[in-house]
């Protein structure tokens, strides 16, 4: 764990060591979270305990998921991963979010594939636009983080970062911006 001493040190340290601070998921959480420190994840920060919960095709009980979330919080988990794969996934997510103060994350592809299979009986028909709409909806619900599965290697990611930087230069020069997501490569 890093000992921070002095403004200059903090600024230099965090400029050189990548990290993120998780978003709190609701106005109520922001006011009641005084007993919880904001969670930072990254180089030099303490290891976090992440508890995983979620419905399945075998057991789909929202009350049980809330009980698991509460148990994780009571036992000192730092974050909660909501990994439901069956039932009304929007309802499960929103109910869990309403019943915990922990930062909650998920894997958007689980819901995207479930809904695509229900609609087309074929996960390969997943519409990328739908995936982005789903991610936006889940973030609006109050998720703090997501696991995004990606098949790019470091060289491809570096090229994407360069393209993002060029897109930012274009925006600054009032040129049409290229699409660019926040990308981090350690």
C-alpha atoms as a PDB file:
ATOM      1  CA  UNK A   1       0.000   0.000   0.000  1.00  0.00           C
ATOM      2  CA  UNK A   2       1.300   3.441  -0.893  1.00  0.00           C
ATOM      3  CA  UNK A   3       1.866   6.052   1.801  1.00  0.00           C
ATOM      4  CA  UNK A   4       0.851   9.403   0.384  1.00  0.00           C
ATOM      5  CA  UNK A   5       2.650  12.390   1.837  1.00  0.00           C
ATOM      6  CA  UNK A   6       2.450  15.815   0.294  1.00  0.00           C
ATOM      7  CA  UNK A   7       0.533  17.273  -2.631  1.00  0.00           C
ATOM      8  CA  UNK A   8       3.388  17.038  -5.101  1.00  0.00           C
ATOM      9  CA  UNK A   9       3.988  13.388  -4.303  1.00  0.00           C
ATOM     10  CA  UNK A  10       0.306  12.516  -4.745  1.00  0.00           C
ATOM     11  CA  UNK A  11       0.103  14.235  -8.107  1.00  0.00           C
ATOM     12  CA  UNK A  12       3.318  12.606  -9.395  1.00  0.00           C
ATOM     13  CA  UNK A  13       2.325   9.192  -8.069  1.00  0.00           C
ATOM     14  CA  UNK A  14      -1.124   9.157  -9.641  1.00  0.00           C
ATOM     15  CA  UNK A  15       0.127  10.516 -12.942  1.00  0.00           C
ATOM     16  CA  UNK A  16       2.608   7.631 -13.155  1.00  0.00           C
ATOM     17  CA  UNK A  17       0.401   4.808 -11.807  1.00  0.00           C
ATOM     18  CA  UNK A  18      -2.902   3.998 -13.481  1.00  0.00           C
ATOM     19  CA  UNK A  19      -6.023   3.663 -11.326  1.00  0.00           C
ATOM     20  CA  UNK A  20      -9.771   4.195 -11.362  1.00  0.00           C
ATOM     21  CA  UNK A  21     -12.213   5.305  -8.676  1.00  0.00           C
ATOM     22  CA  UNK A  22     -15.522   3.465  -8.844  1.00  0.00           C
ATOM     23  CA  UNK A  23     -18.697   5.479  -9.253  1.00  0.00           C
ATOM     24  CA  UNK A  24     -21.223   5.285  -6.440  1.00  0.00           C
ATOM     25  CA  UNK A  25     -24.509   3.980  -7.713  1.00  0.00           C
ATOM     26  CA  UNK A  26     -27.181   6.280  -6.282  1.00  0.00           C
ATOM     27  CA  UNK A  27     -27.862   9.590  -4.570  1.00  0.00           C
ATOM     28  CA  UNK A  28     -28.895   7.689  -1.437  1.00  0.00           C
ATOM     29  CA  UNK A  29     -25.642   5.725  -1.506  1.00  0.00           C
ATOM     30  CA  UNK A  30     -23.619   8.905  -1.822  1.00  0.00           C
ATOM     31  CA  UNK A  31     -25.116  10.249   1.395  1.00  0.00           C
ATOM     32  CA  UNK A  32     -25.037   6.977   3.349  1.00  0.00           C
ATOM     33  CA  UNK A  33     -21.647   5.860   2.088  1.00  0.00           C
ATOM     34  CA  UNK A  34     -19.772   7.887   4.716  1.00  0.00           C
ATOM     35  CA  UNK A  35     -18.822   4.650   6.473  1.00  0.00           C
ATOM     36  CA  UNK A  36     -17.540   3.277   3.156  1.00  0.00           C
ATOM     37  CA  UNK A  37     -14.477   4.760   1.543  1.00  0.00           C
ATOM     38  CA  UNK A  38     -14.664   5.304  -2.197  1.00  0.00           C
ATOM     39  CA  UNK A  39     -13.093   2.308  -3.857  1.00  0.00           C
ATOM     40  CA  UNK A  40      -9.980   2.863  -5.928  1.00  0.00           C
ATOM     41  CA  UNK A  41      -8.526   0.096  -8.060  1.00  0.00           C
ATOM     42  CA  UNK A  42      -5.027   0.200  -9.481  1.00  0.00           C
ATOM     43  CA  UNK A  43      -1.291   0.084  -8.998  1.00  0.00           C
ATOM     44  CA  UNK A  44      -0.190   0.588  -5.403  1.00  0.00           C
ATOM     45  CA  UNK A  45      -3.693   0.478  -3.920  1.00  0.00           C
ATOM     46  CA  UNK A  46      -4.757  -2.257  -1.527  1.00  0.00           C
ATOM     47  CA  UNK A  47      -6.211  -5.525  -2.794  1.00  0.00           C
ATOM     48  CA  UNK A  48     -10.001  -5.526  -2.945  1.00  0.00           C
ATOM     49  CA  UNK A  49     -12.441  -8.294  -2.069  1.00  0.00           C
ATOM     50  CA  UNK A  50     -15.106  -8.732  -4.748  1.00  0.00           C
ATOM     51  CA  UNK A  51     -18.120 -10.937  -3.977  1.00  0.00           C
ATOM     52  CA  UNK A  52     -19.978 -12.548  -6.877  1.00  0.00           C
ATOM     53  CA  UNK A  53     -23.713 -13.216  -6.868  1.00  0.00           C
ATOM     54  CA  UNK A  54     -26.282 -13.984  -9.557  1.00  0.00           C
ATOM     55  CA  UNK A  55     -29.245 -16.008 -10.697  1.00  0.00           C
ATOM     56  CA  UNK A  56     -28.911 -19.065 -12.897  1.00  0.00           C
ATOM     57  CA  UNK A  57     -31.215 -21.364 -14.844  1.00  0.00           C
ATOM     58  CA  UNK A  58     -31.174 -23.650 -11.768  1.00  0.00           C
ATOM     59  CA  UNK A  59     -31.943 -21.008  -9.116  1.00  0.00           C
ATOM     60  CA  UNK A  60     -33.624 -17.726  -9.980  1.00  0.00           C
ATOM     61  CA  UNK A  61     -34.594 -16.063  -6.685  1.00  0.00           C
ATOM     62  CA  UNK A  62     -34.188 -12.268  -6.427  1.00  0.00           C
ATOM     63  CA  UNK A  63     -34.656 -12.295  -2.640  1.00  0.00           C
ATOM     64  CA  UNK A  64     -31.822 -14.811  -2.354  1.00  0.00           C
ATOM     65  CA  UNK A  65     -29.568 -12.524  -4.432  1.00  0.00           C
ATOM     66  CA  UNK A  66     -30.368  -9.609  -2.103  1.00  0.00           C
ATOM     67  CA  UNK A  67     -29.550 -11.834   0.889  1.00  0.00           C
ATOM     68  CA  UNK A  68     -26.214 -12.762  -0.726  1.00  0.00           C
ATOM     69  CA  UNK A  69     -25.458  -9.080  -1.433  1.00  0.00           C
ATOM     70  CA  UNK A  70     -26.250  -8.153   2.181  1.00  0.00           C
ATOM     71  CA  UNK A  71     -24.091 -11.003   3.493  1.00  0.00           C
ATOM     72  CA  UNK A  72     -21.183  -9.857   1.297  1.00  0.00           C
ATOM     73  CA  UNK A  73     -21.552  -6.308   2.585  1.00  0.00           C
ATOM     74  CA  UNK A  74     -21.761  -7.459   6.220  1.00  0.00           C
ATOM     75  CA  UNK A  75     -18.647  -9.615   5.790  1.00  0.00           C
ATOM     76  CA  UNK A  76     -16.606  -6.676   4.473  1.00  0.00           C
ATOM     77  CA  UNK A  77     -16.583  -7.129   0.700  1.00  0.00           C
ATOM     78  CA  UNK A  78     -15.354  -4.037  -1.135  1.00  0.00           C
ATOM     79  CA  UNK A  79     -17.349  -4.581  -4.326  1.00  0.00           C
ATOM     80  CA  UNK A  80     -20.122  -6.790  -5.645  1.00  0.00           C
ATOM     81  CA  UNK A  81     -20.297  -8.470  -9.046  1.00  0.00           C
ATOM     82  CA  UNK A  82     -23.902  -9.150 -10.111  1.00  0.00           C
ATOM     83  CA  UNK A  83     -23.603 -12.027 -12.604  1.00  0.00           C
ATOM     84  CA  UNK A  84     -27.223 -13.058 -13.136  1.00  0.00           C
ATOM     85  CA  UNK A  85     -27.894 -15.154 -16.211  1.00  0.00           C
ATOM     86  CA  UNK A  86     -31.609 -15.992 -15.845  1.00  0.00           C
ATOM     87  CA  UNK A  87     -34.869 -14.306 -14.979  1.00  0.00           C
ATOM     88  CA  UNK A  88     -35.674 -10.627 -15.491  1.00  0.00           C
ATOM     89  CA  UNK A  89     -32.085  -9.363 -15.479  1.00  0.00           C
ATOM     90  CA  UNK A  90     -33.104  -5.686 -15.346  1.00  0.00           C
ATOM     91  CA  UNK A  91     -35.246  -6.358 -12.268  1.00  0.00           C
ATOM     92  CA  UNK A  92     -32.538  -8.437 -10.572  1.00  0.00           C
ATOM     93  CA  UNK A  93     -29.902  -5.731 -11.167  1.00  0.00           C
ATOM     94  CA  UNK A  94     -32.142  -2.875 -10.011  1.00  0.00           C
ATOM     95  CA  UNK A  95     -33.268  -4.773  -6.913  1.00  0.00           C
ATOM     96  CA  UNK A  96     -29.699  -5.611  -5.904  1.00  0.00           C
ATOM     97  CA  UNK A  97     -28.610  -2.001  -6.497  1.00  0.00           C
ATOM     98  CA  UNK A  98     -31.479  -0.747  -4.331  1.00  0.00           C
ATOM     99  CA  UNK A  99     -30.438  -3.019  -1.476  1.00  0.00           C
ATOM    100  CA  UNK A 100     -26.671  -2.554  -1.144  1.00  0.00           C
ATOM    101  CA  UNK A 101     -24.250   0.278  -0.599  1.00  0.00           C
ATOM    102  CA  UNK A 102     -21.387  -1.570  -2.268  1.00  0.00           C
ATOM    103  CA  UNK A 103     -20.177  -0.600  -5.738  1.00  0.00           C
ATOM    104  CA  UNK A 104     -21.838  -3.119  -8.094  1.00  0.00           C
ATOM    105  CA  UNK A 105     -20.505  -4.369 -11.413  1.00  0.00           C
ATOM    106  CA  UNK A 106     -21.588  -6.893 -14.019  1.00  0.00           C
ATOM    107  CA  UNK A 107     -20.836  -8.440 -17.416  1.00  0.00           C
ATOM    108  CA  UNK A 108     -23.153  -6.782 -19.981  1.00  0.00           C
ATOM    109  CA  UNK A 109     -22.626  -9.580 -22.505  1.00  0.00           C
ATOM    110  CA  UNK A 110     -24.547 -12.006 -20.277  1.00  0.00           C
ATOM    111  CA  UNK A 111     -27.772 -10.038 -20.675  1.00  0.00           C
ATOM    112  CA  UNK A 112     -27.042  -9.132 -24.299  1.00  0.00           C
ATOM    113  CA  UNK A 113     -26.606 -12.778 -25.304  1.00  0.00           C
ATOM    114  CA  UNK A 114     -29.586 -13.932 -23.233  1.00  0.00           C
ATOM    115  CA  UNK A 115     -31.873 -11.409 -24.922  1.00  0.00           C
ATOM    116  CA  UNK A 116     -30.419 -12.055 -28.385  1.00  0.00           C
ATOM    117  CA  UNK A 117     -30.936 -15.805 -28.004  1.00  0.00           C
ATOM    118  CA  UNK A 118     -34.507 -15.240 -26.827  1.00  0.00           C
ATOM    119  CA  UNK A 119     -35.212 -13.016 -29.850  1.00  0.00           C
ATOM    120  CA  UNK A 120     -33.266 -14.798 -32.633  1.00  0.00           C
ATOM    121  CA  UNK A 121     -32.330 -18.212 -31.153  1.00  0.00           C
ATOM    122  CA  UNK A 122     -28.764 -17.360 -32.233  1.00  0.00           C
ATOM    123  CA  UNK A 123     -26.192 -15.438 -30.129  1.00  0.00           C
ATOM    124  CA  UNK A 124     -24.226 -14.570 -33.295  1.00  0.00           C
ATOM    125  CA  UNK A 125     -27.044 -12.183 -34.242  1.00  0.00           C
ATOM    126  CA  UNK A 126     -26.144  -9.837 -31.386  1.00  0.00           C
ATOM    127  CA  UNK A 127     -26.432  -6.295 -32.740  1.00  0.00           C
ATOM    128  CA  UNK A 128     -23.441  -4.182 -31.564  1.00  0.00           C
ATOM    129  CA  UNK A 129     -25.723  -1.111 -31.344  1.00  0.00           C
ATOM    130  CA  UNK A 130     -28.007  -3.023 -28.990  1.00  0.00           C
ATOM    131  CA  UNK A 131     -25.003  -3.943 -26.830  1.00  0.00           C
ATOM    132  CA  UNK A 132     -24.049  -0.279 -26.446  1.00  0.00           C
ATOM    133  CA  UNK A 133     -27.661   0.667 -25.655  1.00  0.00           C
ATOM    134  CA  UNK A 134     -27.740  -2.070 -23.020  1.00  0.00           C
ATOM    135  CA  UNK A 135     -24.465  -0.848 -21.485  1.00  0.00           C
ATOM    136  CA  UNK A 136     -25.891   2.688 -21.287  1.00  0.00           C
ATOM    137  CA  UNK A 137     -29.096   1.390 -19.673  1.00  0.00           C
ATOM    138  CA  UNK A 138     -27.145  -0.619 -17.109  1.00  0.00           C
ATOM    139  CA  UNK A 139     -24.960   2.386 -16.258  1.00  0.00           C
ATOM    140  CA  UNK A 140     -28.067   4.558 -15.903  1.00  0.00           C
ATOM    141  CA  UNK A 141     -29.373   1.974 -13.427  1.00  0.00           C
ATOM    142  CA  UNK A 142     -26.314   2.747 -11.320  1.00  0.00           C
ATOM    143  CA  UNK A 143     -23.663   0.124 -11.991  1.00  0.00           C
ATOM    144  CA  UNK A 144     -20.231   1.242 -10.806  1.00  0.00           C
ATOM    145  CA  UNK A 145     -18.112  -0.900 -13.128  1.00  0.00           C
ATOM    146  CA  UNK A 146     -18.338  -3.563 -15.823  1.00  0.00           C
ATOM    147  CA  UNK A 147     -16.282  -6.445 -17.108  1.00  0.00           C
ATOM    148  CA  UNK A 148     -16.007  -5.939 -20.852  1.00  0.00           C
ATOM    149  CA  UNK A 149     -14.672  -8.991 -22.666  1.00  0.00           C
ATOM    150  CA  UNK A 150     -12.451  -7.967 -25.530  1.00  0.00           C
ATOM    151  CA  UNK A 151     -10.329  -9.922 -27.980  1.00  0.00           C
ATOM    152  CA  UNK A 152      -7.779  -7.220 -28.806  1.00  0.00           C
ATOM    153  CA  UNK A 153      -4.113  -7.718 -28.010  1.00  0.00           C
ATOM    154  CA  UNK A 154      -1.799  -4.995 -26.654  1.00  0.00           C
ATOM    155  CA  UNK A 155      -0.601  -3.958 -30.134  1.00  0.00           C
ATOM    156  CA  UNK A 156      -4.172  -3.462 -31.324  1.00  0.00           C
ATOM    157  CA  UNK A 157      -5.010  -1.549 -28.135  1.00  0.00           C
ATOM    158  CA  UNK A 158      -1.971   0.697 -28.607  1.00  0.00           C
ATOM    159  CA  UNK A 159      -3.131   1.454 -32.158  1.00  0.00           C
ATOM    160  CA  UNK A 160      -6.616   2.256 -30.847  1.00  0.00           C
ATOM    161  CA  UNK A 161      -5.128   4.632 -28.274  1.00  0.00           C
ATOM    162  CA  UNK A 162      -3.148   6.422 -30.998  1.00  0.00           C
ATOM    163  CA  UNK A 163      -6.350   6.705 -33.036  1.00  0.00           C
ATOM    164  CA  UNK A 164      -8.153   8.078 -29.971  1.00  0.00           C
ATOM    165  CA  UNK A 165      -5.419  10.668 -29.482  1.00  0.00           C
ATOM    166  CA  UNK A 166      -5.705  11.656 -33.144  1.00  0.00           C
ATOM    167  CA  UNK A 167      -9.477  11.882 -32.751  1.00  0.00           C
ATOM    168  CA  UNK A 168      -8.995  14.169 -29.743  1.00  0.00           C
ATOM    169  CA  UNK A 169      -6.652  16.405 -31.762  1.00  0.00           C
ATOM    170  CA  UNK A 170      -9.330  16.494 -34.478  1.00  0.00           C
ATOM    171  CA  UNK A 171     -11.963  17.531 -31.916  1.00  0.00           C
ATOM    172  CA  UNK A 172      -9.697  20.300 -30.649  1.00  0.00           C
ATOM    173  CA  UNK A 173      -9.246  21.527 -34.221  1.00  0.00           C
ATOM    174  CA  UNK A 174     -13.038  21.411 -34.837  1.00  0.00           C
ATOM    175  CA  UNK A 175     -12.769  18.488 -37.226  1.00  0.00           C
ATOM    176  CA  UNK A 176     -15.299  15.687 -37.236  1.00  0.00           C
ATOM    177  CA  UNK A 177     -14.372  13.388 -34.321  1.00  0.00           C
ATOM    178  CA  UNK A 178     -13.829   9.699 -34.769  1.00  0.00           C
ATOM    179  CA  UNK A 179     -15.600   7.347 -32.350  1.00  0.00           C
ATOM    180  CA  UNK A 180     -13.388   6.644 -29.362  1.00  0.00           C
ATOM    181  CA  UNK A 181     -13.984   4.833 -26.094  1.00  0.00           C
ATOM    182  CA  UNK A 182     -11.989   5.254 -22.913  1.00  0.00           C
ATOM    183  CA  UNK A 183      -9.216   2.689 -23.278  1.00  0.00           C
ATOM    184  CA  UNK A 184      -6.575   1.804 -20.733  1.00  0.00           C
ATOM    185  CA  UNK A 185      -3.560  -0.404 -21.372  1.00  0.00           C
ATOM    186  CA  UNK A 186      -1.210  -0.895 -18.409  1.00  0.00           C
END
